[in-house]
Amino acid sequence: MTDGARAGATDLGESQHVTQRFGLLDALRGVAALVVLAYHLVQQHSLSALPHAGLAVDFFYTLSGFVIAFAYDAQVRDGRLSRAGFARARARRLYPLLALGTVMGFSVFLGAVFLRHSVSLRDALLALGFALALLPCPLFPQWPTAFPLNMAAWSLAFEAYVNLAYALVARFLSQRVLLGLVGLGAVLVVADIAHFGRLMGGTDKADFAFGAARVVYPFFVGILIFRWRREPARRRPVLAIALCTGLAAALLIVPERMIGLDPAIYDGALALIGFPLLVWLAAAVPLDGRMARAAHWLGLLSYPIYILQGPVLRLGVELGRHAPLPAAALALVQAVAVIAVAWAANHWFDAPVQAWLRRAERRRHTKAAPADQGQAPFPRALRSSRT
């Protein structure tokens, strides 16, 4: 599921924080999150609609690799930031909203316990435990999804898994090793497409393991893109708008119906070439003024929109059964509700929690400083948006 495109990196030789922003990556992340929202709104009425919108997850993973490389790669590789410190930073960034979305999903799920008696309270509590532990739920054979309380959590689970893997191998991640991992990931993507006929997997219990095939390539190619990045070019607002529009179009169109293109080829081309190229181009396009502010807003809300939409949409469907609305009206109400809940969660929940966790981390390092003068100050986490 990925961090914000603004990173605070601490120069250990000075007390000054150096901040760089990739505003267009913020905008692209927000566009992708809105595409996923549109996908789920349409999916309520047609399971075959917008079949490629789910590839937004693969785009998120590419962004995640890029931004994590910017914020942490140098410090993790040379030992200034320990593996445990990196793990805490990632948990601090991802877990609060993930836990909130899971608890929201659990609250809606309780309706099935008390109103329909379709599952037991014990099983619902067990499902909550699995979800909070980022493990697929083996219960409820009547529902195929791996995370029934919040379906989007599967992608955050693989984000966490690949982050842990990165922490273990980062110090050995030379250019040759990185290229090897990218090559391995490409093979896994091709194998996944060969198995399913398109790039998919990870969402359900039956295909959960295939999520690994979707995360290795984009995450490590994102790191590679950061190492091979270009210097920022002059501001090109037309190019920025074109890239955002292009991403949305790539995820929303259905080329197999329009021009008869094999979906396997389309998915593979997007995942292996299109998304990495898009990130490489966008990272070199700075924004300012209104476009920068709009991009920042999109990036800020992208993660809460993505991880909280499942419970909000499910609640809308349940309420719609008691107060029927035309499909278009219900979708509009749900979309507005998701964005409003995302804003409120970011403003009144995630921001205060992040601030509290940062203070706790600073206190921890202050206490540990006399015992370990060589430990690096903990870097500020990426904060503009998600992953």
Protein backbone atom coordinates (compact mmCIF):
# COMPACT_ATOMS: atom_id res chain seq x y z
CA MET A 1 0.00 0.00 0.00
CA THR A 2 3.43 3.70 0.46
CA ASP A 3 4.79 7.19 2.31
CA GLY A 4 4.60 10.76 1.51
CA ALA A 5 6.66 12.40 -1.11
CA ARG A 6 8.18 14.82 1.33
CA ALA A 7 11.06 13.46 3.35
CA GLY A 8 13.01 14.88 6.21
CA ALA A 9 16.54 13.52 6.21
CA THR A 10 18.87 14.28 9.08
CA ASP A 11 22.46 15.26 8.34
CA LEU A 12 24.26 13.66 11.26
CA GLY A 13 27.11 16.14 11.06
CA GLU A 14 24.80 19.10 11.64
CA SER A 15 21.61 19.85 13.49
CA GLN A 16 19.91 21.09 10.35
CA HIS A 17 17.20 19.09 8.64
CA VAL A 18 17.34 18.95 4.87
CA THR A 19 13.93 18.62 3.27
CA GLN A 20 13.21 17.77 -0.34
CA ARG A 21 9.80 17.48 -1.89
CA PHE A 22 8.56 15.46 -4.82
CA GLY A 23 5.24 17.22 -5.27
CA LEU A 24 4.23 15.48 -8.47
CA LEU A 25 4.64 12.09 -6.79
CA ASP A 26 2.21 13.33 -4.14
CA ALA A 27 -0.27 14.21 -6.87
CA LEU A 28 0.13 10.87 -8.63
CA ARG A 29 -0.40 9.02 -5.37
CA GLY A 30 -3.60 10.95 -4.77
CA VAL A 31 -4.82 10.29 -8.30
CA ALA A 32 -4.18 6.56 -7.86
CA ALA A 33 -6.06 6.51 -4.55
CA LEU A 34 -9.05 8.22 -6.17
CA VAL A 35 -8.95 5.73 -9.03
CA VAL A 36 -9.11 2.88 -6.51
CA LEU A 37 -12.10 4.60 -4.89
CA ALA A 38 -13.82 4.89 -8.28
CA TYR A 39 -13.00 1.23 -8.94
CA HIS A 40 -14.68 0.09 -5.73
CA LEU A 41 -17.70 2.31 -6.30
CA VAL A 42 -18.22 0.88 -9.77
CA GLN A 43 -17.45 -2.63 -8.53
CA GLN A 44 -20.49 -2.48 -6.26
CA HIS A 45 -22.61 -2.79 -9.38
CA SER A 46 -20.36 -4.56 -11.91
CA LEU A 47 -17.54 -6.90 -10.95
CA SER A 48 -16.05 -6.72 -14.45
CA ALA A 49 -15.77 -2.93 -14.62
CA LEU A 50 -12.39 -1.15 -14.60
CA PRO A 51 -10.37 -4.38 -14.44
CA HIS A 52 -6.98 -2.62 -14.48
CA ALA A 53 -7.67 -0.13 -11.68
CA GLY A 54 -6.32 -2.63 -9.17
CA LEU A 55 -2.87 -2.05 -10.65
CA ALA A 56 -2.79 1.16 -8.61
CA VAL A 57 -1.39 -1.07 -5.85
CA ASP A 58 1.62 -1.92 -8.01
CA PHE A 59 2.11 1.78 -8.66
CA PHE A 60 1.96 2.48 -4.92
CA TYR A 61 4.71 -0.10 -4.35
CA THR A 62 6.93 1.61 -6.91
CA LEU A 63 6.44 4.95 -5.16
CA SER A 64 7.14 3.31 -1.83
CA GLY A 65 10.51 1.98 -2.94
CA PHE A 66 11.51 5.37 -4.34
CA VAL A 67 10.58 7.42 -1.29
CA ILE A 68 11.95 4.94 1.23
CA ALA A 69 15.25 5.00 -0.66
CA PHE A 70 15.28 8.79 -0.41
CA ALA A 71 14.44 8.91 3.28
CA TYR A 72 16.30 5.92 4.68
CA ASP A 73 18.57 4.10 2.22
CA ALA A 74 21.82 5.88 3.02
CA GLN A 75 21.29 5.74 6.77
CA VAL A 76 20.24 2.09 6.87
CA ARG A 77 23.03 0.98 4.55
CA ASP A 78 25.83 2.64 6.52
CA GLY A 79 24.44 1.66 9.92
CA ARG A 80 23.45 5.12 11.16
CA LEU A 81 19.88 3.85 11.41
CA SER A 82 19.42 0.39 12.88
CA ARG A 83 17.05 -2.20 11.48
CA ALA A 84 14.89 -1.80 14.56
CA GLY A 85 14.86 1.97 14.12
CA PHE A 86 13.76 1.60 10.51
CA ALA A 87 11.04 -0.86 11.52
CA ARG A 88 9.76 1.58 14.14
CA ALA A 89 9.69 4.40 11.60
CA ARG A 90 7.66 2.37 9.15
CA ALA A 91 5.28 1.08 11.82
CA ARG A 92 4.80 4.60 13.10
CA ARG A 93 3.92 5.82 9.62
CA LEU A 94 1.67 3.00 8.44
CA TYR A 95 0.10 1.37 11.46
CA PRO A 96 -2.13 4.03 13.08
CA LEU A 97 -4.40 4.52 10.06
CA LEU A 98 -4.24 0.81 9.25
CA ALA A 99 -5.40 0.00 12.78
CA LEU A 100 -8.12 2.66 12.55
CA GLY A 101 -9.40 1.21 9.29
CA THR A 102 -9.37 -2.28 10.77
CA VAL A 103 -11.32 -1.21 13.86
CA MET A 104 -13.79 0.66 11.66
CA GLY A 105 -14.20 -2.46 9.55
CA PHE A 106 -14.66 -4.55 12.68
CA SER A 107 -17.38 -2.19 13.89
CA VAL A 108 -19.29 -2.55 10.62
CA PHE A 109 -18.62 -6.28 10.64
CA LEU A 110 -20.30 -6.59 14.05
CA GLY A 111 -23.56 -5.91 12.27
CA ALA A 112 -23.26 -9.38 10.78
CA VAL A 113 -22.85 -10.78 14.29
CA PHE A 114 -25.75 -9.06 16.01
CA LEU A 115 -28.18 -8.43 13.14
CA ARG A 116 -27.77 -11.44 10.87
CA HIS A 117 -26.06 -13.94 13.17
CA SER A 118 -24.03 -15.13 10.19
CA VAL A 119 -20.78 -15.34 12.17
CA SER A 120 -19.94 -15.76 15.83
CA LEU A 121 -18.55 -12.98 17.99
CA ARG A 122 -15.59 -15.23 18.79
CA ASP A 123 -14.70 -15.57 15.11
CA ALA A 124 -15.11 -11.83 14.60
CA LEU A 125 -12.67 -11.15 17.45
CA LEU A 126 -10.22 -13.69 16.02
CA ALA A 127 -10.47 -11.97 12.64
CA LEU A 128 -9.67 -8.67 14.36
CA GLY A 129 -6.56 -10.22 15.90
CA PHE A 130 -5.35 -11.58 12.56
CA ALA A 131 -5.96 -8.23 10.87
CA LEU A 132 -4.10 -6.21 13.50
CA ALA A 133 -1.21 -8.67 13.20
CA LEU A 134 -1.19 -8.17 9.40
CA LEU A 135 -1.91 -11.84 8.80
CA PRO A 136 -4.51 -13.27 6.40
CA CYS A 137 -7.63 -14.52 8.14
CA PRO A 138 -8.19 -18.28 7.74
CA LEU A 139 -11.79 -18.01 8.99
CA PHE A 140 -15.04 -17.44 7.12
CA PRO A 141 -14.89 -19.81 4.13
CA GLN A 142 -17.99 -18.06 2.80
CA TRP A 143 -15.84 -15.00 2.07
CA PRO A 144 -12.71 -15.45 -0.04
CA THR A 145 -10.95 -12.21 0.95
CA ALA A 146 -7.80 -12.50 3.04
CA PHE A 147 -8.68 -9.46 5.17
CA PRO A 148 -12.48 -9.47 5.57
CA LEU A 149 -12.55 -6.53 8.01
CA ASN A 150 -10.75 -4.20 5.61
CA MET A 151 -9.97 -5.66 2.22
CA ALA A 152 -7.33 -3.06 1.35
CA ALA A 153 -5.17 -4.26 4.24
CA TRP A 154 -3.70 -7.07 2.12
CA SER A 155 -1.54 -4.58 0.23
CA LEU A 156 -0.36 -2.96 3.47
CA ALA A 157 0.56 -6.41 4.76
CA PHE A 158 2.88 -6.92 1.80
CA GLU A 159 4.18 -3.39 2.22
CA ALA A 160 5.16 -4.35 5.77
CA TYR A 161 6.67 -7.65 4.64
CA VAL A 162 8.84 -6.05 1.95
CA ASN A 163 9.89 -3.30 4.35
CA LEU A 164 11.14 -5.94 6.78
CA ALA A 165 12.94 -7.72 3.95
CA TYR A 166 14.53 -4.44 2.90
CA ALA A 167 15.71 -3.79 6.46
CA LEU A 168 17.46 -7.17 6.46
CA VAL A 169 19.23 -6.76 3.10
CA ALA A 170 19.73 -2.98 2.88
CA ARG A 171 23.34 -3.03 4.06
CA PHE A 172 24.19 -5.49 1.30
CA LEU A 173 22.15 -3.73 -1.38
CA SER A 174 24.88 -2.92 -3.86
CA GLN A 175 23.97 -2.01 -7.40
CA ARG A 176 24.54 -5.58 -8.51
CA VAL A 177 22.39 -7.06 -5.74
CA LEU A 178 19.66 -4.50 -6.39
CA LEU A 179 19.62 -5.32 -10.10
CA GLY A 180 19.40 -9.00 -9.19
CA LEU A 181 16.36 -8.38 -6.98
CA VAL A 182 14.74 -6.30 -9.72
CA GLY A 183 15.35 -9.13 -12.18
CA LEU A 184 13.91 -11.69 -9.76
CA GLY A 185 10.89 -9.47 -9.23
CA ALA A 186 10.35 -9.17 -12.99
CA VAL A 187 10.37 -12.97 -13.28
CA LEU A 188 7.77 -13.16 -10.49
CA VAL A 189 5.56 -10.61 -12.27
CA VAL A 190 5.73 -12.60 -15.50
CA ALA A 191 4.98 -15.83 -13.60
CA ASP A 192 1.98 -14.22 -11.93
CA ILE A 193 0.62 -13.01 -15.27
CA ALA A 194 1.22 -16.41 -16.84
CA HIS A 195 -0.74 -18.05 -14.02
CA PHE A 196 -3.74 -15.72 -13.93
CA GLY A 197 -3.75 -14.28 -17.44
CA ARG A 198 -3.31 -10.82 -15.93
CA LEU A 199 -1.47 -9.27 -12.99
CA MET A 200 -3.44 -10.08 -9.86
CA GLY A 201 -3.27 -11.97 -6.59
CA GLY A 202 -2.83 -11.21 -2.92
CA THR A 203 -6.39 -10.12 -2.19
CA ASP A 204 -7.91 -13.52 -1.38
CA LYS A 205 -6.92 -16.37 0.90
CA ALA A 206 -6.48 -18.70 -2.07
CA ASP A 207 -4.05 -16.41 -3.91
CA PHE A 208 -2.54 -14.49 -0.99
CA ALA A 209 0.98 -15.79 -1.65
CA PHE A 210 0.89 -14.20 -5.10
CA GLY A 211 1.01 -10.82 -3.41
CA ALA A 212 4.74 -11.44 -3.05
CA ALA A 213 5.00 -11.61 -6.82
CA ARG A 214 3.48 -8.14 -7.02
CA VAL A 215 5.60 -6.35 -4.43
CA VAL A 216 9.21 -7.43 -5.07
CA TYR A 217 9.70 -5.87 -8.50
CA PRO A 218 7.99 -2.49 -7.98
CA PHE A 219 9.51 -1.89 -4.55
CA PHE A 220 13.09 -2.60 -5.54
CA VAL A 221 12.75 -0.93 -8.93
CA GLY A 222 11.57 2.13 -7.00
CA ILE A 223 14.84 2.08 -5.07
CA LEU A 224 16.73 1.70 -8.34
CA ILE A 225 14.86 4.67 -9.83
CA PHE A 226 15.89 6.80 -6.88
CA ARG A 227 19.54 5.88 -7.37
CA TRP A 228 19.27 6.62 -11.08
CA ARG A 229 17.07 9.70 -10.71
CA ARG A 230 17.57 12.83 -12.76
CA GLU A 231 18.15 16.27 -11.33
CA PRO A 232 14.92 18.30 -11.12
CA ALA A 233 14.09 19.97 -14.40
CA ARG A 234 12.46 23.35 -14.79
CA ARG A 235 8.82 23.57 -13.78
CA ARG A 236 6.54 22.16 -16.43
CA PRO A 237 2.91 22.37 -15.33
CA VAL A 238 1.62 20.98 -18.62
CA LEU A 239 3.82 17.89 -18.26
CA ALA A 240 2.71 17.47 -14.65
CA ILE A 241 -0.96 17.55 -15.63
CA ALA A 242 -0.29 15.19 -18.54
CA LEU A 243 1.42 12.64 -16.28
CA CYS A 244 -1.44 12.69 -13.75
CA THR A 245 -4.00 12.36 -16.51
CA GLY A 246 -1.98 9.59 -18.12
CA LEU A 247 -1.87 7.57 -14.90
CA ALA A 248 -5.61 7.89 -14.38
CA ALA A 249 -6.30 6.92 -17.99
CA ALA A 250 -3.95 3.93 -17.85
CA LEU A 251 -5.76 2.58 -14.79
CA LEU A 252 -9.29 3.32 -15.99
CA ILE A 253 -9.29 2.27 -19.64
CA VAL A 254 -10.08 -1.27 -20.75
CA PRO A 255 -7.88 -1.79 -23.84
CA GLU A 256 -8.95 -5.38 -24.42
CA ARG A 257 -12.44 -4.08 -25.18
CA MET A 258 -11.29 -0.98 -27.06
CA ILE A 259 -8.54 -2.30 -29.31
CA GLY A 260 -8.44 -6.01 -28.52
CA LEU A 261 -5.12 -5.82 -26.63
CA ASP A 262 -4.37 -8.86 -24.50
CA PRO A 263 -4.82 -7.84 -20.83
CA ALA A 264 -1.73 -9.86 -19.91
CA ILE A 265 0.42 -7.72 -22.19
CA TYR A 266 -1.19 -4.52 -20.94
CA ASP A 267 -0.72 -5.37 -17.26
CA GLY A 268 2.84 -6.49 -17.80
CA ALA A 269 3.74 -3.38 -19.78
CA LEU A 270 2.29 -1.09 -17.12
CA ALA A 271 3.88 -2.87 -14.17
CA LEU A 272 7.31 -3.54 -15.70
CA ILE A 273 7.78 -0.41 -17.80
CA GLY A 274 4.97 2.14 -17.50
CA PHE A 275 4.89 2.73 -13.76
CA PRO A 276 8.69 2.86 -13.28
CA LEU A 277 8.99 5.27 -16.20
CA LEU A 278 6.22 7.43 -14.77
CA VAL A 279 7.92 7.66 -11.36
CA TRP A 280 11.30 8.40 -12.98
CA LEU A 281 9.79 11.25 -15.01
CA ALA A 282 7.62 12.66 -12.23
CA ALA A 283 10.46 12.76 -9.70
CA ALA A 284 12.24 15.32 -11.89
CA VAL A 285 9.27 17.67 -12.34
CA PRO A 286 9.05 20.21 -9.48
CA LEU A 287 5.83 22.04 -8.67
CA ASP A 288 5.11 25.38 -7.06
CA GLY A 289 2.23 27.67 -6.25
CA ARG A 290 -1.28 26.32 -6.54
CA MET A 291 -0.19 23.09 -8.19
CA ALA A 292 2.16 22.34 -5.31
CA ARG A 293 -0.58 23.00 -2.77
CA ALA A 294 -3.06 20.82 -4.67
CA ALA A 295 -0.48 18.05 -4.99
CA HIS A 296 0.30 18.24 -1.28
CA TRP A 297 -3.40 17.93 -0.46
CA LEU A 298 -3.79 14.93 -2.76
CA GLY A 299 -0.77 13.24 -1.25
CA LEU A 300 -1.87 13.98 2.30
CA LEU A 301 -5.24 12.30 1.82
CA SER A 302 -4.12 9.45 -0.42
CA TYR A 303 -3.31 6.97 2.34
CA PRO A 304 -6.43 7.58 4.47
CA ILE A 305 -8.61 7.48 1.34
CA TYR A 306 -7.07 4.17 0.37
CA ILE A 307 -7.08 2.41 3.73
CA LEU A 308 -10.38 3.76 5.13
CA GLN A 309 -12.61 3.51 2.07
CA GLY A 310 -13.51 -0.16 2.58
CA PRO A 311 -15.36 0.25 5.88
CA VAL A 312 -17.02 3.50 4.76
CA LEU A 313 -18.24 1.96 1.50
CA ARG A 314 -19.49 -1.15 3.29
CA LEU A 315 -21.41 1.00 5.77
CA GLY A 316 -22.91 2.91 2.84
CA VAL A 317 -24.11 -0.31 1.24
CA GLU A 318 -25.67 -1.47 4.51
CA LEU A 319 -27.43 1.85 5.05
CA GLY A 320 -28.54 1.87 1.41
CA ARG A 321 -30.50 -1.32 2.03
CA HIS A 322 -32.68 0.51 4.54
CA ALA A 323 -32.88 3.81 2.64
CA PRO A 324 -32.62 2.91 -1.05
CA LEU A 325 -31.03 5.49 -3.32
CA PRO A 326 -30.36 5.49 -7.07
CA ALA A 327 -26.98 3.90 -7.77
CA ALA A 328 -25.40 7.15 -8.94
CA ALA A 329 -26.64 9.07 -5.89
CA LEU A 330 -25.41 6.37 -3.51
CA ALA A 331 -21.99 6.35 -5.18
CA LEU A 332 -21.74 10.14 -4.91
CA VAL A 333 -22.69 10.11 -1.23
CA GLN A 334 -20.17 7.33 -0.57
CA ALA A 335 -17.38 9.14 -2.41
CA VAL A 336 -17.97 12.36 -0.47
CA ALA A 337 -18.14 10.38 2.77
CA VAL A 338 -14.84 8.61 2.07
CA ILE A 339 -13.02 11.88 1.35
CA ALA A 340 -14.56 13.56 4.40
CA VAL A 341 -13.65 10.65 6.68
CA ALA A 342 -10.14 10.58 5.23
CA TRP A 343 -9.66 14.28 5.92
CA ALA A 344 -11.06 13.98 9.45
CA ALA A 345 -8.94 10.92 10.21
CA ASN A 346 -5.81 12.63 8.98
CA HIS A 347 -6.53 15.88 10.83
CA TRP A 348 -7.89 14.61 14.14
CA PHE A 349 -6.36 11.15 14.42
CA ASP A 350 -3.25 10.49 12.37
CA ALA A 351 -1.57 13.88 12.74
CA PRO A 352 -1.88 13.93 16.56
CA VAL A 353 -0.81 10.29 16.82
CA GLN A 354 2.21 10.91 14.58
CA ALA A 355 3.18 13.94 16.67
CA TRP A 356 2.87 11.94 19.90
CA LEU A 357 4.95 9.09 18.47
CA ARG A 358 7.64 11.51 17.32
CA ARG A 359 7.84 13.00 20.81
CA ALA A 360 8.03 9.52 22.32
CA GLU A 361 10.83 8.59 19.91
CA ARG A 362 12.77 11.74 20.79
CA ARG A 363 12.40 10.98 24.50
CA ARG A 364 13.60 7.46 23.87
CA HIS A 365 16.74 8.69 22.12
CA THR A 366 17.36 11.34 24.75
CA LYS A 367 17.39 8.65 27.44
CA ALA A 368 19.54 6.33 25.32
CA ALA A 369 22.07 9.01 24.32
CA PRO A 370 24.41 8.69 27.34
CA ALA A 371 24.64 4.94 26.80
CA ASP A 372 25.19 5.13 23.07
CA GLN A 373 26.70 8.37 21.82
CA GLY A 374 27.18 6.85 18.36
CA GLN A 375 23.50 6.22 17.69
CA ALA A 376 22.09 8.41 14.94
CA PRO A 377 19.23 10.77 15.71
CA PHE A 378 16.01 9.20 14.51
CA PRO A 379 15.04 10.61 11.12
CA ARG A 380 11.70 12.27 10.68
CA ALA A 381 9.36 9.99 8.79
CA LEU A 382 7.97 10.88 5.40
CA ARG A 383 4.91 12.86 6.25
CA SER A 384 3.19 14.42 3.25
CA SER A 385 1.12 11.35 2.49
CA ARG A 386 1.47 7.67 2.35
CA THR A 387 3.96 5.07 1.71
